[in-house]
Amino acid sequence: MTSSKPEFAAQPAVVAPASSKQEVRCAVRFPIALPVVLSTSKGDVPARTRNISASGALFELDQHIPSGIGIRFSLRMPGAVLGTPHDVLVHCTGRVVRCSLSQHSYIAAATIDEYQFAEQ
């Protein structure tokens, strides 16, 4: 009795060129504009979110904020975005990883190192 095994030709590995970049995200991003105040050791900075996820946020603001500075902020996430019956207040702490001048405002990217849902 002989068994017939399918033969597979060895295929060369396909490697992406070094110049191609693939962005890897840790969490779903919500493209949402919410007013927020970033509290830093140098004072409070009014801002607006451009997008937010469980691990980071992108803010639009009127002034430069230094990279590496710690921030605290709270925002009320709409229930419709989260799929909950009510809006949810979230307290976040993190740090700015970059800030650059866009056309008419500054854009700051920040990590969210910790967040806590406030009891309502």
Protein backbone atom coordinates (compact mmCIF):
# COMPACT_ATOMS: atom_id res chain seq x y z
CA MET A 1 0.00 0.00 0.00
CA THR A 2 1.52 3.23 -1.04
CA SER A 3 0.40 6.58 0.15
CA SER A 4 0.29 9.46 -2.20
CA LYS A 5 1.61 12.68 -0.70
CA PRO A 6 1.15 15.91 -2.55
CA GLU A 7 4.44 17.41 -3.57
CA PHE A 8 5.06 21.04 -2.73
CA ALA A 9 7.66 22.99 -4.60
CA ALA A 10 9.81 25.11 -2.36
CA GLN A 11 8.84 28.74 -2.81
CA PRO A 12 11.26 31.56 -2.16
CA ALA A 13 10.36 33.78 0.78
CA VAL A 14 8.86 37.10 -0.17
CA VAL A 15 10.43 39.95 1.78
CA ALA A 16 9.02 43.45 1.68
CA PRO A 17 11.48 46.13 0.65
CA ALA A 18 13.10 47.97 3.54
CA SER A 19 11.56 51.24 2.38
CA SER A 20 7.96 50.09 2.80
CA LYS A 21 6.43 50.93 6.16
CA GLN A 22 3.52 49.13 7.71
CA GLU A 23 1.77 50.92 10.52
CA VAL A 24 0.79 48.72 13.45
CA ARG A 25 -1.84 49.93 15.87
CA CYS A 26 -2.47 48.55 19.34
CA ALA A 27 -6.03 49.81 19.61
CA VAL A 28 -8.97 51.05 17.57
CA ARG A 29 -8.84 54.78 16.87
CA PHE A 30 -11.96 56.90 17.15
CA PRO A 31 -11.84 59.94 14.84
CA ILE A 32 -13.63 62.35 17.16
CA ALA A 33 -13.27 66.03 17.99
CA LEU A 34 -13.81 66.71 21.68
CA PRO A 35 -12.78 69.78 23.69
CA VAL A 36 -10.22 68.97 26.37
CA VAL A 37 -7.78 70.74 28.68
CA LEU A 38 -4.30 69.21 28.90
CA SER A 39 -2.89 69.72 32.41
CA THR A 40 0.91 69.82 32.49
CA SER A 41 3.59 70.81 34.98
CA LYS A 42 3.83 74.10 33.05
CA GLY A 43 0.11 74.89 33.17
CA ASP A 44 -3.12 74.08 31.40
CA VAL A 45 -3.42 73.99 27.61
CA PRO A 46 -6.82 74.03 25.89
CA ALA A 47 -7.00 71.53 23.02
CA ARG A 48 -9.34 69.48 20.87
CA THR A 49 -8.97 65.78 20.10
CA ARG A 50 -8.60 64.72 16.47
CA ASN A 51 -8.65 61.03 17.30
CA ILE A 52 -8.27 58.89 20.38
CA SER A 53 -7.68 55.25 21.26
CA ALA A 54 -7.00 53.30 24.43
CA SER A 55 -3.25 53.82 23.94
CA GLY A 56 -2.96 57.35 22.58
CA ALA A 57 -4.50 60.54 21.28
CA LEU A 58 -3.90 63.20 18.69
CA PHE A 59 -4.67 66.77 19.74
CA GLU A 60 -5.00 70.08 17.94
CA LEU A 61 -3.92 73.12 19.98
CA ASP A 62 -2.97 76.79 19.62
CA GLN A 63 0.45 76.59 21.26
CA HIS A 64 3.48 74.33 21.21
CA ILE A 65 3.74 71.73 23.96
CA PRO A 66 7.13 70.09 24.57
CA SER A 67 7.73 66.44 23.74
CA GLY A 68 8.21 64.27 26.81
CA ILE A 69 6.05 66.39 29.10
CA GLY A 70 3.49 64.53 31.21
CA ILE A 71 -0.19 65.34 30.68
CA ARG A 72 -3.47 64.68 32.43
CA PHE A 73 -6.87 65.20 30.87
CA SER A 74 -10.47 64.11 31.19
CA LEU A 75 -12.99 63.74 28.43
CA ARG A 76 -16.55 62.62 28.02
CA MET A 77 -16.68 59.90 25.38
CA PRO A 78 -20.07 59.81 23.64
CA GLY A 79 -22.05 56.64 24.30
CA ALA A 80 -22.86 56.39 20.60
CA VAL A 81 -19.15 56.05 19.81
CA LEU A 82 -18.53 53.47 22.54
CA GLY A 83 -21.76 51.55 22.01
CA THR A 84 -23.00 52.33 25.52
CA PRO A 85 -26.35 53.82 26.56
CA HIS A 86 -24.69 56.83 28.22
CA ASP A 87 -21.65 59.04 27.74
CA VAL A 88 -18.61 57.90 29.73
CA LEU A 89 -16.22 60.22 31.58
CA VAL A 90 -12.62 59.05 31.24
CA HIS A 91 -9.60 60.40 33.22
CA CYS A 92 -6.30 59.90 31.39
CA THR A 93 -2.59 60.35 32.10
CA GLY A 94 0.17 60.12 29.54
CA ARG A 95 2.93 62.06 27.83
CA VAL A 96 3.45 64.01 24.65
CA VAL A 97 5.58 62.13 22.12
CA ARG A 98 5.67 64.82 19.42
CA CYS A 99 4.31 68.25 18.62
CA SER A 100 4.58 70.05 15.30
CA LEU A 101 3.11 73.08 13.59
CA SER A 102 0.45 72.27 11.03
CA GLN A 103 -1.14 74.86 8.74
CA HIS A 104 -2.85 76.99 11.40
CA SER A 105 -2.39 75.09 14.64
CA TYR A 106 -0.13 72.70 16.49
CA ILE A 107 -0.70 68.95 16.37
CA ALA A 108 0.45 66.94 19.39
CA ALA A 109 0.53 63.17 19.63
CA ALA A 110 0.47 61.63 23.10
CA THR A 111 0.50 58.21 24.66
CA ILE A 112 -2.15 57.30 27.19
CA ASP A 113 -0.29 55.41 29.89
CA GLU A 114 -3.29 55.05 32.22
CA TYR A 115 -6.98 55.72 32.01
CA GLN A 116 -9.82 55.32 34.44
CA PHE A 117 -13.55 55.36 33.81
CA ALA A 118 -15.26 57.65 36.30
CA GLU A 119 -18.24 56.24 38.14
CA GLN A 120 -21.43 58.00 37.14
